[in-house]
Amino acid sequence: MNADPISVSLFEMRLEEIYHRDPVLKYQINLPDFVALFPVKFKNEKLLKPEPPASIALDRDVFLQILVAFDQSFV
């Protein structure tokens, strides 16, 4: 099963906004790598929410913003 390409693009755009709003992320990771940390995945034809990445320590508030962006993109 594939996600709607417009929803995926919307989610990626929201990730970019989160990246640019946070004053610390640009020192930890570049934008393309940040977006790549949150691929759109399916399991049993059900969309999976993003999980906190193991490769970078994200602030709790930043991760909550990512979850909100995910929910808003895939309504």
PDB file of N, CA and C in Angstrom:
ATOM      1  N   MET A   1       0.853  -1.186   0.000  1.00  0.00           N
ATOM      2  CA  MET A   1       0.000   0.000   0.000  1.00  0.00           C
ATOM      3  C   MET A   1       0.893   1.241   0.000  1.00  0.00           C
ATOM      4  N   ASN A   2       0.497   2.230  -0.733  1.00  0.00           N
ATOM      5  CA  ASN A   2       1.258   3.476  -0.805  1.00  0.00           C
ATOM      6  C   ASN A   2       0.440   4.622  -0.239  1.00  0.00           C
ATOM      7  N   ALA A   3       1.145   5.571   0.334  1.00  0.00           N
ATOM      8  CA  ALA A   3       0.489   6.771   0.851  1.00  0.00           C
ATOM      9  C   ALA A   3       0.225   7.729  -0.297  1.00  0.00           C
ATOM     10  N   ASP A   4      -0.731   8.577  -0.103  1.00  0.00           N
ATOM     11  CA  ASP A   4      -1.023   9.622  -1.069  1.00  0.00           C
ATOM     12  C   ASP A   4       0.207  10.513  -1.209  1.00  0.00           C
ATOM     13  N   PRO A   5       0.725  10.692  -2.442  1.00  0.00           N
ATOM     14  CA  PRO A   5       1.940  11.504  -2.617  1.00  0.00           C
ATOM     15  C   PRO A   5       1.798  12.939  -2.105  1.00  0.00           C
ATOM     16  N   ILE A   6       0.612  13.489  -2.176  1.00  0.00           N
ATOM     17  CA  ILE A   6       0.407  14.858  -1.677  1.00  0.00           C
ATOM     18  C   ILE A   6       0.539  14.891  -0.158  1.00  0.00           C
ATOM     19  N   SER A   7       0.008  13.878   0.515  1.00  0.00           N
ATOM     20  CA  SER A   7       0.125  13.809   1.977  1.00  0.00           C
ATOM     21  C   SER A   7       1.579  13.629   2.401  1.00  0.00           C
ATOM     22  N   VAL A   8       2.317  12.797   1.662  1.00  0.00           N
ATOM     23  CA  VAL A   8       3.734  12.597   1.969  1.00  0.00           C
ATOM     24  C   VAL A   8       4.493  13.914   1.794  1.00  0.00           C
ATOM     25  N   SER A   9       4.222  14.622   0.705  1.00  0.00           N
ATOM     26  CA  SER A   9       4.877  15.912   0.470  1.00  0.00           C
ATOM     27  C   SER A   9       4.518  16.920   1.557  1.00  0.00           C
ATOM     28  N   LEU A  10       3.276  16.917   1.967  1.00  0.00           N
ATOM     29  CA  LEU A  10       2.831  17.819   3.027  1.00  0.00           C
ATOM     30  C   LEU A  10       3.558  17.504   4.340  1.00  0.00           C
ATOM     31  N   PHE A  11       3.705  16.218   4.655  1.00  0.00           N
ATOM     32  CA  PHE A  11       4.421  15.819   5.860  1.00  0.00           C
ATOM     33  C   PHE A  11       5.882  16.273   5.780  1.00  0.00           C
ATOM     34  N   GLU A  12       6.515  16.076   4.643  1.00  0.00           N
ATOM     35  CA  GLU A  12       7.910  16.492   4.474  1.00  0.00           C
ATOM     36  C   GLU A  12       8.051  18.007   4.595  1.00  0.00           C
ATOM     37  N   MET A  13       7.086  18.735   4.063  1.00  0.00           N
ATOM     38  CA  MET A  13       7.115  20.194   4.169  1.00  0.00           C
ATOM     39  C   MET A  13       6.992  20.625   5.634  1.00  0.00           C
ATOM     40  N   ARG A  14       6.146  19.946   6.378  1.00  0.00           N
ATOM     41  CA  ARG A  14       5.993  20.262   7.799  1.00  0.00           C
ATOM     42  C   ARG A  14       7.255  19.905   8.577  1.00  0.00           C
ATOM     43  N   LEU A  15       7.929  18.820   8.187  1.00  0.00           N
ATOM     44  CA  LEU A  15       9.202  18.478   8.818  1.00  0.00           C
ATOM     45  C   LEU A  15      10.234  19.574   8.576  1.00  0.00           C
ATOM     46  N   GLU A  16      10.240  20.112   7.363  1.00  0.00           N
ATOM     47  CA  GLU A  16      11.161  21.208   7.044  1.00  0.00           C
ATOM     48  C   GLU A  16      10.869  22.433   7.906  1.00  0.00           C
ATOM     49  N   GLU A  17       9.600  22.731   8.115  1.00  0.00           N
ATOM     50  CA  GLU A  17       9.232  23.866   8.964  1.00  0.00           C
ATOM     51  C   GLU A  17       9.717  23.650  10.403  1.00  0.00           C
ATOM     52  N   ILE A  18       9.547  22.440  10.911  1.00  0.00           N
ATOM     53  CA  ILE A  18      10.003  22.119  12.262  1.00  0.00           C
ATOM     54  C   ILE A  18      11.514  22.288  12.339  1.00  0.00           C
ATOM     55  N   TYR A  19      12.212  21.803  11.335  1.00  0.00           N
ATOM     56  CA  TYR A  19      13.673  21.899  11.289  1.00  0.00           C
ATOM     57  C   TYR A  19      14.129  23.354  11.334  1.00  0.00           C
ATOM     58  N   HIS A  20      13.496  24.193  10.529  1.00  0.00           N
ATOM     59  CA  HIS A  20      13.907  25.602  10.457  1.00  0.00           C
ATOM     60  C   HIS A  20      13.525  26.399  11.710  1.00  0.00           C
ATOM     61  N   ARG A  21      12.466  25.984  12.404  1.00  0.00           N
ATOM     62  CA  ARG A  21      12.051  26.683  13.626  1.00  0.00           C
ATOM     63  C   ARG A  21      12.958  26.361  14.815  1.00  0.00           C
ATOM     64  N   ASP A  22      13.540  25.168  14.817  1.00  0.00           N
ATOM     65  CA  ASP A  22      14.339  24.753  15.971  1.00  0.00           C
ATOM     66  C   ASP A  22      15.753  25.328  15.863  1.00  0.00           C
ATOM     67  N   PRO A  23      16.230  26.013  16.893  1.00  0.00           N
ATOM     68  CA  PRO A  23      17.550  26.654  16.811  1.00  0.00           C
ATOM     69  C   PRO A  23      18.731  25.683  16.908  1.00  0.00           C
ATOM     70  N   VAL A  24      18.493  24.443  17.334  1.00  0.00           N
ATOM     71  CA  VAL A  24      19.583  23.499  17.572  1.00  0.00           C
ATOM     72  C   VAL A  24      19.757  22.471  16.452  1.00  0.00           C
ATOM     73  N   LEU A  25      18.688  22.093  15.805  1.00  0.00           N
ATOM     74  CA  LEU A  25      18.757  21.003  14.824  1.00  0.00           C
ATOM     75  C   LEU A  25      19.796  21.219  13.735  1.00  0.00           C
ATOM     76  N   LYS A  26      19.943  22.436  13.264  1.00  0.00           N
ATOM     77  CA  LYS A  26      20.884  22.684  12.164  1.00  0.00           C
ATOM     78  C   LYS A  26      22.325  22.386  12.553  1.00  0.00           C
ATOM     79  N   TYR A  27      22.605  22.352  13.851  1.00  0.00           N
ATOM     80  CA  TYR A  27      23.951  22.019  14.314  1.00  0.00           C
ATOM     81  C   TYR A  27      24.129  20.506  14.506  1.00  0.00           C
ATOM     82  N   GLN A  28      23.021  19.777  14.528  1.00  0.00           N
ATOM     83  CA  GLN A  28      23.073  18.338  14.756  1.00  0.00           C
ATOM     84  C   GLN A  28      22.988  17.528  13.462  1.00  0.00           C
ATOM     85  N   ILE A  29      22.226  18.028  12.490  1.00  0.00           N
ATOM     86  CA  ILE A  29      21.923  17.238  11.305  1.00  0.00           C
ATOM     87  C   ILE A  29      21.520  18.181  10.174  1.00  0.00           C
ATOM     88  N   ASN A  30      21.763  17.770   8.922  1.00  0.00           N
ATOM     89  CA  ASN A  30      21.330  18.623   7.813  1.00  0.00           C
ATOM     90  C   ASN A  30      19.873  18.304   7.464  1.00  0.00           C
ATOM     91  N   LEU A  31      19.243  19.191   6.740  1.00  0.00           N
ATOM     92  CA  LEU A  31      17.810  19.080   6.453  1.00  0.00           C
ATOM     93  C   LEU A  31      17.435  17.781   5.732  1.00  0.00           C
ATOM     94  N   PRO A  32      18.101  17.413   4.629  1.00  0.00           N
ATOM     95  CA  PRO A  32      17.697  16.164   3.948  1.00  0.00           C
ATOM     96  C   PRO A  32      17.810  14.929   4.857  1.00  0.00           C
ATOM     97  N   ASP A  33      18.841  14.892   5.692  1.00  0.00           N
ATOM     98  CA  ASP A  33      18.992  13.754   6.601  1.00  0.00           C
ATOM     99  C   ASP A  33      17.911  13.766   7.680  1.00  0.00           C
ATOM    100  N   PHE A  34      17.520  14.946   8.126  1.00  0.00           N
ATOM    101  CA  PHE A  34      16.453  15.065   9.119  1.00  0.00           C
ATOM    102  C   PHE A  34      15.134  14.535   8.550  1.00  0.00           C
ATOM    103  N   VAL A  35      14.794  14.952   7.348  1.00  0.00           N
ATOM    104  CA  VAL A  35      13.547  14.488   6.719  1.00  0.00           C
ATOM    105  C   VAL A  35      13.602  12.975   6.514  1.00  0.00           C
ATOM    106  N   ALA A  36      14.773  12.455   6.140  1.00  0.00           N
ATOM    107  CA  ALA A  36      14.929  11.021   5.896  1.00  0.00           C
ATOM    108  C   ALA A  36      14.778  10.177   7.166  1.00  0.00           C
ATOM    109  N   LEU A  37      14.910  10.801   8.335  1.00  0.00           N
ATOM    110  CA  LEU A  37      14.741  10.075   9.592  1.00  0.00           C
ATOM    111  C   LEU A  37      13.298   9.606   9.802  1.00  0.00           C
ATOM    112  N   PHE A  38      12.365  10.191   9.060  1.00  0.00           N
ATOM    113  CA  PHE A  38      10.946   9.913   9.288  1.00  0.00           C
ATOM    114  C   PHE A  38      10.256   9.445   8.003  1.00  0.00           C
ATOM    115  N   PRO A  39      10.658   8.264   7.516  1.00  0.00           N
ATOM    116  CA  PRO A  39      10.002   7.754   6.306  1.00  0.00           C
ATOM    117  C   PRO A  39       8.560   7.336   6.598  1.00  0.00           C
ATOM    118  N   VAL A  40       7.741   7.376   5.596  1.00  0.00           N
ATOM    119  CA  VAL A  40       6.354   6.932   5.725  1.00  0.00           C
ATOM    120  C   VAL A  40       6.361   5.416   5.543  1.00  0.00           C
ATOM    121  N   LYS A  41       5.930   4.696   6.590  1.00  0.00           N
ATOM    122  CA  LYS A  41       5.953   3.232   6.577  1.00  0.00           C
ATOM    123  C   LYS A  41       4.562   2.660   6.809  1.00  0.00           C
ATOM    124  N   PHE A  42       4.398   1.444   6.278  1.00  0.00           N
ATOM    125  CA  PHE A  42       3.142   0.720   6.465  1.00  0.00           C
ATOM    126  C   PHE A  42       3.436  -0.646   7.071  1.00  0.00           C
ATOM    127  N   LYS A  43       2.483  -1.145   7.852  1.00  0.00           N
ATOM    128  CA  LYS A  43       2.538  -2.510   8.349  1.00  0.00           C
ATOM    129  C   LYS A  43       1.121  -3.050   8.296  1.00  0.00           C
ATOM    130  N   ASN A  44       0.958  -4.161   7.614  1.00  0.00           N
ATOM    131  CA  ASN A  44      -0.378  -4.751   7.419  1.00  0.00           C
ATOM    132  C   ASN A  44      -1.350  -3.731   6.834  1.00  0.00           C
ATOM    133  N   GLU A  45      -0.860  -2.987   5.858  1.00  0.00           N
ATOM    134  CA  GLU A  45      -1.638  -1.961   5.156  1.00  0.00           C
ATOM    135  C   GLU A  45      -2.109  -0.825   6.065  1.00  0.00           C
ATOM    136  N   LYS A  46      -1.465  -0.677   7.229  1.00  0.00           N
ATOM    137  CA  LYS A  46      -1.803   0.412   8.145  1.00  0.00           C
ATOM    138  C   LYS A  46      -0.601   1.340   8.257  1.00  0.00           C
ATOM    139  N   LEU A  47      -0.866   2.619   8.198  1.00  0.00           N
ATOM    140  CA  LEU A  47       0.183   3.632   8.293  1.00  0.00           C
ATOM    141  C   LEU A  47       0.749   3.657   9.706  1.00  0.00           C
ATOM    142  N   LEU A  48       2.089   3.603   9.809  1.00  0.00           N
ATOM    143  CA  LEU A  48       2.750   3.614  11.114  1.00  0.00           C
ATOM    144  C   LEU A  48       3.207   5.022  11.477  1.00  0.00           C
ATOM    145  N   LYS A  49       3.005   5.386  12.730  1.00  0.00           N
ATOM    146  CA  LYS A  49       3.489   6.686  13.201  1.00  0.00           C
ATOM    147  C   LYS A  49       5.009   6.669  13.266  1.00  0.00           C
ATOM    148  N   PRO A  50       5.637   7.831  13.103  1.00  0.00           N
ATOM    149  CA  PRO A  50       7.093   7.889  13.226  1.00  0.00           C
ATOM    150  C   PRO A  50       7.545   7.513  14.631  1.00  0.00           C
ATOM    151  N   GLU A  51       8.745   6.967  14.707  1.00  0.00           N
ATOM    152  CA  GLU A  51       9.342   6.639  16.002  1.00  0.00           C
ATOM    153  C   GLU A  51      10.540   7.545  16.224  1.00  0.00           C
ATOM    154  N   PRO A  52      10.892   7.777  17.488  1.00  0.00           N
ATOM    155  CA  PRO A  52      12.088   8.604  17.748  1.00  0.00           C
ATOM    156  C   PRO A  52      13.317   7.932  17.124  1.00  0.00           C
ATOM    157  N   PRO A  53      14.110   8.682  16.391  1.00  0.00           N
ATOM    158  CA  PRO A  53      15.286   8.088  15.757  1.00  0.00           C
ATOM    159  C   PRO A  53      16.361   7.744  16.789  1.00  0.00           C
ATOM    160  N   ALA A  54      17.067   6.654  16.537  1.00  0.00           N
ATOM    161  CA  ALA A  54      18.141   6.236  17.439  1.00  0.00           C
ATOM    162  C   ALA A  54      19.427   7.009  17.166  1.00  0.00           C
ATOM    163  N   SER A  55      19.551   7.540  15.964  1.00  0.00           N
ATOM    164  CA  SER A  55      20.811   8.162  15.551  1.00  0.00           C
ATOM    165  C   SER A  55      20.997   9.595  16.041  1.00  0.00           C
ATOM    166  N   ILE A  56      19.931  10.211  16.558  1.00  0.00           N
ATOM    167  CA  ILE A  56      20.023  11.595  17.015  1.00  0.00           C
ATOM    168  C   ILE A  56      19.094  11.773  18.220  1.00  0.00           C
ATOM    169  N   ALA A  57      19.548  12.524  19.190  1.00  0.00           N
ATOM    170  CA  ALA A  57      18.731  12.794  20.373  1.00  0.00           C
ATOM    171  C   ALA A  57      17.857  14.012  20.090  1.00  0.00           C
ATOM    172  N   LEU A  58      16.578  13.752  19.886  1.00  0.00           N
ATOM    173  CA  LEU A  58      15.640  14.843  19.624  1.00  0.00           C
ATOM    174  C   LEU A  58      15.008  15.308  20.920  1.00  0.00           C
ATOM    175  N   ASP A  59      14.827  16.603  21.011  1.00  0.00           N
ATOM    176  CA  ASP A  59      14.085  17.191  22.115  1.00  0.00           C
ATOM    177  C   ASP A  59      12.664  16.634  22.094  1.00  0.00           C
ATOM    178  N   ARG A  60      12.106  16.384  23.258  1.00  0.00           N
ATOM    179  CA  ARG A  60      10.749  15.825  23.350  1.00  0.00           C
ATOM    180  C   ARG A  60       9.731  16.704  22.620  1.00  0.00           C
ATOM    181  N   ASP A  61       9.853  18.019  22.782  1.00  0.00           N
ATOM    182  CA  ASP A  61       8.911  18.927  22.126  1.00  0.00           C
ATOM    183  C   ASP A  61       9.016  18.846  20.605  1.00  0.00           C
ATOM    184  N   VAL A  62      10.230  18.690  20.104  1.00  0.00           N
ATOM    185  CA  VAL A  62      10.421  18.565  18.658  1.00  0.00           C
ATOM    186  C   VAL A  62       9.749  17.292  18.160  1.00  0.00           C
ATOM    187  N   PHE A  63       9.936  16.181  18.887  1.00  0.00           N
ATOM    188  CA  PHE A  63       9.314  14.936  18.453  1.00  0.00           C
ATOM    189  C   PHE A  63       7.789  15.028  18.522  1.00  0.00           C
ATOM    190  N   LEU A  64       7.265  15.694  19.519  1.00  0.00           N
ATOM    191  CA  LEU A  64       5.810  15.881  19.590  1.00  0.00           C
ATOM    192  C   LEU A  64       5.307  16.712  18.404  1.00  0.00           C
ATOM    193  N   GLN A  65       6.079  17.713  17.987  1.00  0.00           N
ATOM    194  CA  GLN A  65       5.714  18.493  16.799  1.00  0.00           C
ATOM    195  C   GLN A  65       5.692  17.602  15.558  1.00  0.00           C
ATOM    196  N   ILE A  66       6.627  16.662  15.489  1.00  0.00           N
ATOM    197  CA  ILE A  66       6.678  15.739  14.349  1.00  0.00           C
ATOM    198  C   ILE A  66       5.440  14.847  14.333  1.00  0.00           C
ATOM    199  N   LEU A  67       5.043  14.365  15.501  1.00  0.00           N
ATOM    200  CA  LEU A  67       3.835  13.537  15.566  1.00  0.00           C
ATOM    201  C   LEU A  67       2.587  14.317  15.172  1.00  0.00           C
ATOM    202  N   VAL A  68       2.509  15.556  15.603  1.00  0.00           N
ATOM    203  CA  VAL A  68       1.373  16.410  15.227  1.00  0.00           C
ATOM    204  C   VAL A  68       1.375  16.643  13.714  1.00  0.00           C
ATOM    205  N   ALA A  69       2.541  16.918  13.159  1.00  0.00           N
ATOM    206  CA  ALA A  69       2.655  17.132  11.712  1.00  0.00           C
ATOM    207  C   ALA A  69       2.229  15.877  10.962  1.00  0.00           C
ATOM    208  N   PHE A  70       2.610  14.719  11.471  1.00  0.00           N
ATOM    209  CA  PHE A  70       2.212  13.452  10.854  1.00  0.00           C
ATOM    210  C   PHE A  70       0.701  13.306  10.854  1.00  0.00           C
ATOM    211  N   ASP A  71       0.102  13.520  12.029  1.00  0.00           N
ATOM    212  CA  ASP A  71      -1.362  13.397  12.156  1.00  0.00           C
ATOM    213  C   ASP A  71      -2.088  14.389  11.249  1.00  0.00           C
ATOM    214  N   GLN A  72      -1.580  15.610  11.152  1.00  0.00           N
ATOM    215  CA  GLN A  72      -2.229  16.613  10.308  1.00  0.00           C
ATOM    216  C   GLN A  72      -2.074  16.289   8.821  1.00  0.00           C
ATOM    217  N   SER A  73      -0.988  15.626   8.456  1.00  0.00           N
ATOM    218  CA  SER A  73      -0.732  15.325   7.052  1.00  0.00           C
ATOM    219  C   SER A  73      -1.520  14.111   6.558  1.00  0.00           C
ATOM    220  N   PHE A  74      -1.762  13.184   7.451  1.00  0.00           N
ATOM    221  CA  PHE A  74      -2.443  11.939   7.074  1.00  0.00           C
ATOM    222  C   PHE A  74      -3.757  11.782   7.815  1.00  0.00           C
ATOM    223  N   VAL A  75      -4.650  12.698   7.606  1.00  0.00           N
ATOM    224  CA  VAL A  75      -5.957  12.689   8.280  1.00  0.00           C
ATOM    225  C   VAL A  75      -6.856  11.697   7.581  1.00  0.00           C
TER     226      VAL A  75
END
